[in-house]
Every structure is written in structure tokens, then in C-alpha cells.
């Protein structure tokens, strides 16, 4: 166990120095494959932007997958950095993969290294693994600042919210600012849209937490002789449940389209960074709980699902799935912040937890 932890810590430092944006994880992937080719006896299956390593046994009782994400987030300087801890996630899983060398586990274990988690694109593409392999359950984890270091965070239902970016585009026609009646200014239906905000987001119509956050707003330009002819509203929508997110999206699009039509303005919308809710299979809860107990780790249940999204939710539509958190320290800086730092206590706890899980 100590050797596995040390390998993970060393590998994380190496991966930390080569952060890559979503969909561009070329050097990261090469580094991981080189590590596994040197340290393990696993079969490497290269799937282009992603890959997995397979531990196979004859007459295996079950087949499970463990997933890690490879991409980095973008900093204020526009450059990628590991401000979400994916360097830690993949180093843990790679070291665990190496620890299976020469061992009989009684099961097949597939170590999945996924690209493009931050944009929500990678999980859906990596579901191709279910066409290649028979997998009975898939597991993953995320480091979680704000909780006691090394504590396993378990939720029976939704772990992380469904979310998407929604672009609402209003296309009118510009005119001379002295003759606004000759154009179609989108500012007015856009303003009317926000007057309906309370109605659109009324919590009484949803089953759980549902949020809409304006993240961008633009119309026309700073040209005082020209009345605006086009405008855009950018929103992030999120919900504990996929059905609630679908309803919220429908509400928002219908209201925007109605107001644009009344103003004689064309309207269209675009969805980006779509994440399904990460919902845990309740039958797998006891397995994680037992693994934590065997590993000597404390467990706790957060008060509510995490508001951020995690594209691990794609896997739950294909097979039983369970995603947990591991506390990164109560006073630790938050994910995606400039001051974020990986806590090595997460490495040790994650290796102990998933090592116990693959041996259960």
C-alpha cells in the first residue's frame, strides 16, 4: 500500500506540470500510458482521445470499471492548470492499476482514463467502453475541499447536479439611433425576459434544487449613433434532477421565443456543456460503505448534492454507477480557484478506499 501511494504522489507531480485543456490531453495520455506500460502488466486499449487498461481473469465473478478524468481547467490567464484535481484523480487510478500486477482479484477491473470532463463531452464518448466490455458497475470519485481531509463522502441519490449552458440569441435589425422606429431593437424583449425571472425559476414547480444563473449579457455595441440590432443572453441552468433541468430549459426557451415573436424579432437558442445529473445506484452504496470500513476510513453524508456538475452521469445510463467524494480539508481553497491545491491526504484515502473495493 505504501509503495502504491508513493507512486501516485510522484506521478501526480509529473502530471501537474503538464496540464492540458479538454480534448487536448495528448501529453497527459502519453505519460499515463508510459507509466502503465512500465509499472503494470495490464492490456492497454487506446481509443483515440481516451484509453483504458484492462485487468482480466478467467472465470471472473464480475467486471467493474474505475474512472479518472485527464483534463485541466482554464485559469484567469487563459492557460490550463490543474485547479480541479484531475491530476490527483488519474494518478490514484494509475497507481491502483499498477498495484494489480501479478494478483488474482476474482474479478475483471477496467481502469478508464477519460478526456474532456470539464466540458461534459468526454463521458458520453467514453460510453463506447460498454460496447467493448461487459461491465457490471462503474465507480469514480472527486476530491472535495471544504470537508474533513480523507473523509469519504457518500450520497444515495443525486451526487452532482445536471447542468448546461444555454445561449439565447435575439436577432432584430439595427437602425440609426435617431430613428429607432426603423429598426427592431432586441433590448426590449431581453429586458422583458428578465421581468419573468421569478415565474420561470419558481421552486414550487420543481422536485428539487433548480437554478438559473445569468453569466453573460450583450446587445449592440458602444456606438451611440446606432440602435442595437442583435443581442444575447447566456445562462447556466442546473438542477438536482434531469427532469427538472428539462422543464427549466423548456420554460426559458418558451418565454424567450414568445417575447421575441411579440417584438417581431427572430430567436434561436444553443445548448453547450451539457451534463446529466450524477445519480448513484443505491444498490452500490453498501459496497462503498463496506470498502471504506475495511480501509479504516470515516464516512459522512453531505447535507445536499453538490451544485457543480460531473459528466460521470453519462455512465449511469449504461450500467450501475456510483460516484463519491473524498474530503480535501475543511479550510482548503475551492475547486477552480487560483489558490486551489491538491491535498495528498486525498491520495492516500482514495487508494485505500478503491484498493479495498476491488478486493471485496
Protein backbone atom coordinates (compact mmCIF):
# COMPACT_ATOMS: atom_id res chain seq x y z
CA UNK A 1 0.00 0.00 0.00
CA UNK A 2 2.79 2.43 0.91
CA UNK A 3 4.54 1.80 -2.41
CA UNK A 4 1.29 2.41 -4.32
CA UNK A 5 0.71 5.70 -2.50
CA UNK A 6 4.27 6.85 -3.19
CA UNK A 7 3.92 6.02 -6.89
CA UNK A 8 0.70 8.02 -7.05
CA UNK A 9 2.25 11.04 -5.33
CA UNK A 10 5.23 11.04 -7.69
CA UNK A 11 3.07 10.59 -10.78
CA UNK A 12 0.74 13.40 -9.72
CA UNK A 13 3.63 15.84 -9.53
CA UNK A 14 4.63 14.88 -13.06
CA UNK A 15 1.09 15.23 -14.39
CA UNK A 16 0.65 18.52 -12.55
CA UNK A 17 3.39 20.04 -14.69
CA UNK A 18 1.65 19.24 -17.99
CA UNK A 19 -1.96 20.46 -17.64
CA UNK A 20 -3.97 20.28 -20.86
CA UNK A 21 -7.35 21.65 -21.85
CA UNK A 22 -10.38 19.45 -22.51
CA UNK A 23 -9.97 17.40 -25.67
CA UNK A 24 -6.25 18.19 -25.88
CA UNK A 25 -4.84 15.74 -23.32
CA UNK A 26 -2.11 14.39 -25.65
CA UNK A 27 0.93 14.56 -23.35
CA UNK A 28 -1.13 13.56 -20.33
CA UNK A 29 -2.34 10.44 -22.10
CA UNK A 30 1.20 9.57 -23.26
CA UNK A 31 2.54 9.99 -19.73
CA UNK A 32 -0.12 7.73 -18.24
CA UNK A 33 0.33 5.01 -20.85
CA UNK A 34 4.11 5.09 -20.39
CA UNK A 35 3.65 4.71 -16.64
CA UNK A 36 1.28 1.77 -17.03
CA UNK A 37 3.48 0.04 -19.60
CA UNK A 38 6.38 0.27 -17.17
CA UNK A 39 4.65 -0.38 -13.87
CA UNK A 40 1.82 -2.78 -14.75
CA UNK A 41 1.06 -5.92 -16.74
CA UNK A 42 -2.31 -4.61 -17.96
CA UNK A 43 -3.64 -4.59 -21.50
CA UNK A 44 -3.81 -1.01 -22.81
CA UNK A 45 -6.72 -0.26 -25.13
CA UNK A 46 -6.14 3.03 -26.97
CA UNK A 47 -9.39 4.69 -28.05
CA UNK A 48 -8.02 7.90 -29.51
CA UNK A 49 -8.56 10.76 -27.09
CA UNK A 50 -9.08 8.33 -24.21
CA UNK A 51 -7.97 4.87 -23.20
CA UNK A 52 -8.43 2.15 -20.64
CA UNK A 53 -6.26 -0.50 -19.03
CA UNK A 54 -7.70 -3.98 -18.51
CA UNK A 55 -7.02 -6.50 -15.74
CA UNK A 56 -8.67 -9.70 -16.95
CA UNK A 57 -9.11 -13.05 -15.22
CA UNK A 58 -10.58 -16.31 -16.46
CA UNK A 59 -13.92 -17.16 -14.85
CA UNK A 60 -14.11 -13.74 -13.19
CA UNK A 61 -17.13 -13.35 -10.92
CA UNK A 62 -17.76 -9.76 -12.00
CA UNK A 63 -16.34 -6.89 -14.03
CA UNK A 64 -16.02 -3.36 -12.68
CA UNK A 65 -14.60 -0.12 -14.04
CA UNK A 66 -12.84 2.71 -12.22
CA UNK A 67 -12.81 6.06 -13.99
CA UNK A 68 -10.44 9.03 -13.81
CA UNK A 69 -10.56 12.32 -15.75
CA UNK A 70 -7.49 13.73 -17.53
CA UNK A 71 -8.21 17.37 -18.43
CA UNK A 72 -7.40 20.64 -16.67
CA UNK A 73 -9.36 23.86 -16.16
CA UNK A 74 -8.54 27.28 -17.60
CA UNK A 75 -7.02 29.90 -15.33
CA UNK A 76 -7.51 33.67 -15.32
CA UNK A 77 -4.51 33.93 -17.66
CA UNK A 78 -6.24 31.74 -20.23
CA UNK A 79 -3.86 28.85 -19.68
CA UNK A 80 -4.79 25.38 -18.39
CA UNK A 81 -3.90 24.43 -14.81
CA UNK A 82 -4.89 21.57 -12.56
CA UNK A 83 -7.28 23.60 -10.44
CA UNK A 84 -9.83 20.79 -10.15
CA UNK A 85 -7.52 17.99 -9.04
CA UNK A 86 -7.76 15.75 -12.07
CA UNK A 87 -4.00 15.22 -11.81
CA UNK A 88 -4.72 13.60 -8.46
CA UNK A 89 -7.64 11.54 -9.75
CA UNK A 90 -5.68 9.95 -12.58
CA UNK A 91 -2.53 9.39 -10.54
CA UNK A 92 -4.58 7.49 -7.95
CA UNK A 93 -6.20 5.27 -10.58
CA UNK A 94 -2.94 4.68 -12.44
CA UNK A 95 -1.13 3.67 -9.25
CA UNK A 96 -4.03 1.36 -8.34
CA UNK A 97 -3.82 -0.19 -11.78
CA UNK A 98 -0.12 -0.84 -11.25
CA UNK A 99 -0.85 -2.42 -7.86
CA UNK A 100 -2.83 -5.24 -9.52
CA UNK A 101 0.31 -6.59 -11.21
CA UNK A 102 0.53 -10.35 -10.77
CA UNK A 103 -2.51 -10.51 -8.49
CA UNK A 104 -5.72 -12.51 -8.55
CA UNK A 105 -8.72 -10.34 -7.69
CA UNK A 106 -11.59 -12.64 -8.61
CA UNK A 107 -12.88 -10.02 -11.00
CA UNK A 108 -12.05 -8.08 -14.14
CA UNK A 109 -11.11 -4.46 -13.49
CA UNK A 110 -11.03 -1.78 -16.19
CA UNK A 111 -9.21 1.47 -15.43
CA UNK A 112 -10.80 4.15 -17.62
CA UNK A 113 -8.91 7.38 -18.32
CA UNK A 114 -11.36 9.91 -19.76
CA UNK A 115 -10.80 13.12 -21.66
CA UNK A 116 -12.86 16.33 -21.65
CA UNK A 117 -14.71 16.10 -18.36
CA UNK A 118 -14.80 19.87 -17.85
CA UNK A 119 -16.90 20.42 -20.99
CA UNK A 120 -19.16 17.41 -20.43
CA UNK A 121 -18.12 15.90 -23.77
CA UNK A 122 -15.82 13.09 -22.65
CA UNK A 123 -18.17 10.94 -20.61
CA UNK A 124 -20.61 10.39 -23.43
CA UNK A 125 -17.83 9.42 -25.84
CA UNK A 126 -16.24 7.05 -23.35
CA UNK A 127 -19.51 5.16 -23.00
CA UNK A 128 -18.16 3.26 -26.01
CA UNK A 129 -16.39 1.10 -23.42
CA UNK A 130 -19.72 -0.58 -22.71
CA UNK A 131 -19.84 -1.78 -26.31
CA UNK A 132 -16.36 -3.27 -25.98
CA UNK A 133 -16.58 -4.80 -22.48
CA UNK A 134 -19.18 -6.37 -20.23
CA UNK A 135 -19.14 -4.13 -17.15
CA UNK A 136 -21.31 -4.75 -14.10
CA UNK A 137 -20.61 -1.48 -12.26
CA UNK A 138 -18.52 1.66 -12.65
CA UNK A 139 -17.09 3.85 -9.88
CA UNK A 140 -15.40 7.22 -9.62
CA UNK A 141 -14.51 9.94 -7.13
CA UNK A 142 -13.78 13.63 -6.79
CA UNK A 143 -11.70 15.48 -4.27
CA UNK A 144 -13.90 17.87 -2.29
CA UNK A 145 -12.40 20.88 -0.49
CA UNK A 146 -14.46 22.07 2.45
CA UNK A 147 -14.79 18.65 4.06
CA UNK A 148 -12.50 16.84 6.54
CA UNK A 149 -9.39 15.58 4.78
CA UNK A 150 -9.60 11.92 3.82
CA UNK A 151 -13.27 11.52 4.73
CA UNK A 152 -15.38 9.57 2.24
CA UNK A 153 -18.50 11.47 1.14
CA UNK A 154 -21.43 9.23 0.22
CA UNK A 155 -24.83 10.16 -1.21
CA UNK A 156 -27.52 7.61 -2.10
CA UNK A 157 -29.21 9.51 -4.91
CA UNK A 158 -28.00 12.63 -6.74
CA UNK A 159 -24.34 13.36 -6.09
CA UNK A 160 -23.86 16.28 -8.51
CA UNK A 161 -26.29 18.44 -10.46
CA UNK A 162 -27.35 18.21 -14.06
CA UNK A 163 -26.44 21.42 -15.85
CA UNK A 164 -25.99 23.12 -19.19
CA UNK A 165 -25.01 26.40 -20.75
CA UNK A 166 -27.88 27.96 -22.71
CA UNK A 167 -27.38 30.76 -25.24
CA UNK A 168 -30.48 32.81 -26.11
CA UNK A 169 -29.96 34.83 -29.30
CA UNK A 170 -32.26 37.68 -30.38
CA UNK A 171 -31.87 38.89 -33.97
CA UNK A 172 -33.63 42.12 -34.90
CA UNK A 173 -32.32 44.87 -37.16
CA UNK A 174 -30.22 47.90 -36.35
CA UNK A 175 -31.12 51.46 -37.26
CA UNK A 176 -29.84 54.98 -36.80
CA UNK A 177 -30.19 55.84 -33.13
CA UNK A 178 -32.15 58.95 -34.15
CA UNK A 179 -34.71 56.73 -35.91
CA UNK A 180 -35.18 53.71 -33.65
CA UNK A 181 -38.63 53.11 -35.13
CA UNK A 182 -36.92 51.96 -38.34
CA UNK A 183 -35.23 49.03 -36.60
CA UNK A 184 -36.06 46.17 -34.29
CA UNK A 185 -34.15 46.55 -31.05
CA UNK A 186 -33.70 43.28 -29.07
CA UNK A 187 -33.07 45.05 -25.79
CA UNK A 188 -36.78 45.32 -25.02
CA UNK A 189 -37.73 41.63 -25.30
CA UNK A 190 -34.49 40.80 -23.48
CA UNK A 191 -35.49 43.11 -20.62
CA UNK A 192 -38.99 41.63 -20.60
CA UNK A 193 -37.44 38.17 -20.32
CA UNK A 194 -35.81 39.08 -17.02
CA UNK A 195 -39.10 40.51 -15.76
CA UNK A 196 -40.36 36.90 -15.90
CA UNK A 197 -37.41 35.53 -13.96
CA UNK A 198 -39.29 34.77 -10.73
CA UNK A 199 -42.01 32.94 -12.66
CA UNK A 200 -39.57 30.88 -14.71
CA UNK A 201 -37.50 29.79 -11.73
CA UNK A 202 -40.27 29.43 -9.12
CA UNK A 203 -39.07 26.49 -6.95
CA UNK A 204 -42.63 25.30 -6.37
CA UNK A 205 -42.76 23.75 -9.84
CA UNK A 206 -39.67 21.57 -9.38
CA UNK A 207 -38.88 18.44 -7.39
CA UNK A 208 -35.54 19.65 -6.03
CA UNK A 209 -33.00 22.44 -6.19
CA UNK A 210 -33.15 24.15 -9.58
CA UNK A 211 -31.08 27.20 -10.52
CA UNK A 212 -30.67 29.63 -13.40
CA UNK A 213 -27.64 31.91 -13.35
CA UNK A 214 -27.03 34.71 -15.90
CA UNK A 215 -23.37 34.53 -16.92
CA UNK A 216 -23.36 36.85 -19.93
CA UNK A 217 -25.44 39.63 -21.45
CA UNK A 218 -24.78 41.67 -24.59
CA UNK A 219 -26.67 43.81 -27.12
CA UNK A 220 -25.40 46.13 -29.82
CA UNK A 221 -22.16 47.99 -29.25
CA UNK A 222 -20.89 51.26 -27.80
CA UNK A 223 -21.73 53.18 -30.95
CA UNK A 224 -24.08 55.97 -29.94
CA UNK A 225 -25.36 56.60 -33.43
CA UNK A 226 -26.58 53.04 -33.92
CA UNK A 227 -29.51 51.33 -32.18
CA UNK A 228 -28.87 47.71 -31.27
CA UNK A 229 -29.93 45.08 -33.77
CA UNK A 230 -28.91 41.85 -32.03
CA UNK A 231 -28.43 40.62 -28.50
CA UNK A 232 -27.61 37.55 -26.49
CA UNK A 233 -28.36 36.20 -23.03
CA UNK A 234 -26.07 33.47 -21.67
CA UNK A 235 -27.35 31.33 -18.81
CA UNK A 236 -26.12 28.40 -16.77
CA UNK A 237 -29.01 26.17 -15.75
CA UNK A 238 -28.69 23.40 -13.18
CA UNK A 239 -30.86 21.03 -11.17
CA UNK A 240 -30.63 18.06 -8.86
CA UNK A 241 -32.76 16.04 -11.28
CA UNK A 242 -32.62 15.68 -15.07
CA UNK A 243 -36.40 16.07 -15.36
CA UNK A 244 -36.28 19.41 -13.52
CA UNK A 245 -33.50 20.67 -15.78
CA UNK A 246 -35.51 19.68 -18.86
CA UNK A 247 -38.52 21.55 -17.52
CA UNK A 248 -36.48 24.66 -16.69
CA UNK A 249 -34.92 24.67 -20.17
CA UNK A 250 -38.38 24.39 -21.69
CA UNK A 251 -39.68 27.29 -19.59
CA UNK A 252 -36.77 29.53 -20.52
CA UNK A 253 -36.84 28.80 -24.25
CA UNK A 254 -40.62 29.19 -24.49
CA UNK A 255 -40.61 32.56 -22.70
CA UNK A 256 -37.72 33.92 -24.78
CA UNK A 257 -39.30 32.75 -28.05
CA UNK A 258 -42.69 34.26 -27.12
CA UNK A 259 -41.21 37.65 -26.24
CA UNK A 260 -39.06 37.75 -29.37
CA UNK A 261 -42.08 36.90 -31.54
CA UNK A 262 -44.14 39.67 -29.95
CA UNK A 263 -41.35 42.13 -30.84
CA UNK A 264 -41.04 40.82 -34.39
CA UNK A 265 -37.53 39.58 -33.67
CA UNK A 266 -36.01 36.26 -34.68
CA UNK A 267 -34.96 33.96 -31.87
CA UNK A 268 -32.81 30.85 -31.62
CA UNK A 269 -31.06 29.03 -28.80
CA UNK A 270 -28.00 26.85 -28.41
CA UNK A 271 -27.03 24.39 -25.68
CA UNK A 272 -23.41 23.90 -24.58
CA UNK A 273 -21.52 21.94 -21.91
CA UNK A 274 -24.44 19.61 -21.20
CA UNK A 275 -24.05 17.44 -18.08
CA UNK A 276 -26.61 14.87 -16.92
CA UNK A 277 -27.15 14.54 -13.19
CA UNK A 278 -24.71 12.20 -11.47
CA UNK A 279 -27.10 9.84 -9.71
CA UNK A 280 -25.80 6.99 -7.58
CA UNK A 281 -27.16 3.49 -7.83
CA UNK A 282 -28.48 2.76 -4.30
CA UNK A 283 -27.50 -0.91 -4.53
CA UNK A 284 -23.83 0.07 -4.76
CA UNK A 285 -23.97 2.29 -1.67
CA UNK A 286 -23.26 -0.58 0.74
CA UNK A 287 -20.25 -1.68 -1.33
CA UNK A 288 -18.62 1.74 -0.96
CA UNK A 289 -19.57 1.87 2.70
CA UNK A 290 -18.05 -1.58 3.27
CA UNK A 291 -14.91 -0.65 1.35
CA UNK A 292 -14.48 2.49 3.46
CA UNK A 293 -14.93 0.45 6.63
CA UNK A 294 -12.37 -2.12 5.55
CA UNK A 295 -9.96 0.68 4.66
CA UNK A 296 -10.41 2.30 8.07
CA UNK A 297 -11.87 5.47 6.59
CA UNK A 298 -14.61 7.65 8.06
CA UNK A 299 -17.75 8.35 6.02
CA UNK A 300 -20.19 11.24 6.08
CA UNK A 301 -23.23 12.35 4.09
CA UNK A 302 -23.20 15.93 2.76
CA UNK A 303 -26.35 17.95 3.51
CA UNK A 304 -27.27 18.12 -0.17
CA UNK A 305 -25.94 17.15 -3.62
CA UNK A 306 -23.06 19.19 -4.97
CA UNK A 307 -24.15 22.06 -7.20
CA UNK A 308 -21.31 21.58 -9.64
CA UNK A 309 -21.64 19.04 -12.43
CA UNK A 310 -19.66 15.94 -13.31
CA UNK A 311 -20.04 14.09 -16.59
CA UNK A 312 -19.74 10.75 -14.80
CA UNK A 313 -23.54 10.92 -15.02
CA UNK A 314 -23.35 9.58 -18.58
CA UNK A 315 -22.16 6.21 -17.29
CA UNK A 316 -25.16 5.73 -15.04
CA UNK A 317 -27.41 5.49 -18.09
CA UNK A 318 -25.43 2.45 -19.28
CA UNK A 319 -24.74 0.44 -16.13
CA UNK A 320 -24.96 0.71 -12.32
CA UNK A 321 -22.73 3.63 -11.30
CA UNK A 322 -21.55 5.19 -8.07
CA UNK A 323 -19.60 8.40 -7.53
CA UNK A 324 -18.22 9.51 -4.18
CA UNK A 325 -16.23 12.39 -2.77
CA UNK A 326 -13.13 12.47 -0.62
CA UNK A 327 -12.63 15.46 1.63
CA UNK A 328 -9.73 17.74 0.77
CA UNK A 329 -9.65 19.73 4.02
CA UNK A 330 -12.21 21.94 5.72
CA UNK A 331 -10.24 25.13 5.18
CA UNK A 332 -8.92 24.25 1.72
CA UNK A 333 -9.42 26.64 -1.20
CA UNK A 334 -12.30 25.71 -3.50
CA UNK A 335 -12.17 23.92 -6.84
CA UNK A 336 -11.33 26.08 -9.88
CA UNK A 337 -9.95 28.90 -7.71
CA UNK A 338 -6.44 30.38 -8.10
CA UNK A 339 -5.47 29.18 -4.61
CA UNK A 340 -6.64 25.59 -5.06
CA UNK A 341 -4.11 22.95 -4.02
CA UNK A 342 -4.33 19.15 -4.08
CA UNK A 343 -4.21 17.59 -0.61
CA UNK A 344 -2.04 14.45 -0.50
CA UNK A 345 -4.37 13.06 2.17
CA UNK A 346 -6.88 12.53 -0.64
CA UNK A 347 -4.37 10.36 -2.49
CA UNK A 348 -3.89 8.04 0.47
CA UNK A 349 -7.60 7.82 1.28
CA UNK A 350 -8.61 7.19 -2.35
CA UNK A 351 -6.04 4.43 -2.80
CA UNK A 352 -7.11 2.75 0.42
CA UNK A 353 -10.80 3.03 -0.50
CA UNK A 354 -10.60 1.72 -4.05
CA UNK A 355 -8.00 -0.89 -3.20
CA UNK A 356 -10.50 -2.29 -0.67
CA UNK A 357 -13.29 -2.05 -3.24
CA UNK A 358 -11.50 -4.07 -5.91
CA UNK A 359 -10.71 -6.76 -3.35
CA UNK A 360 -14.27 -7.08 -1.97
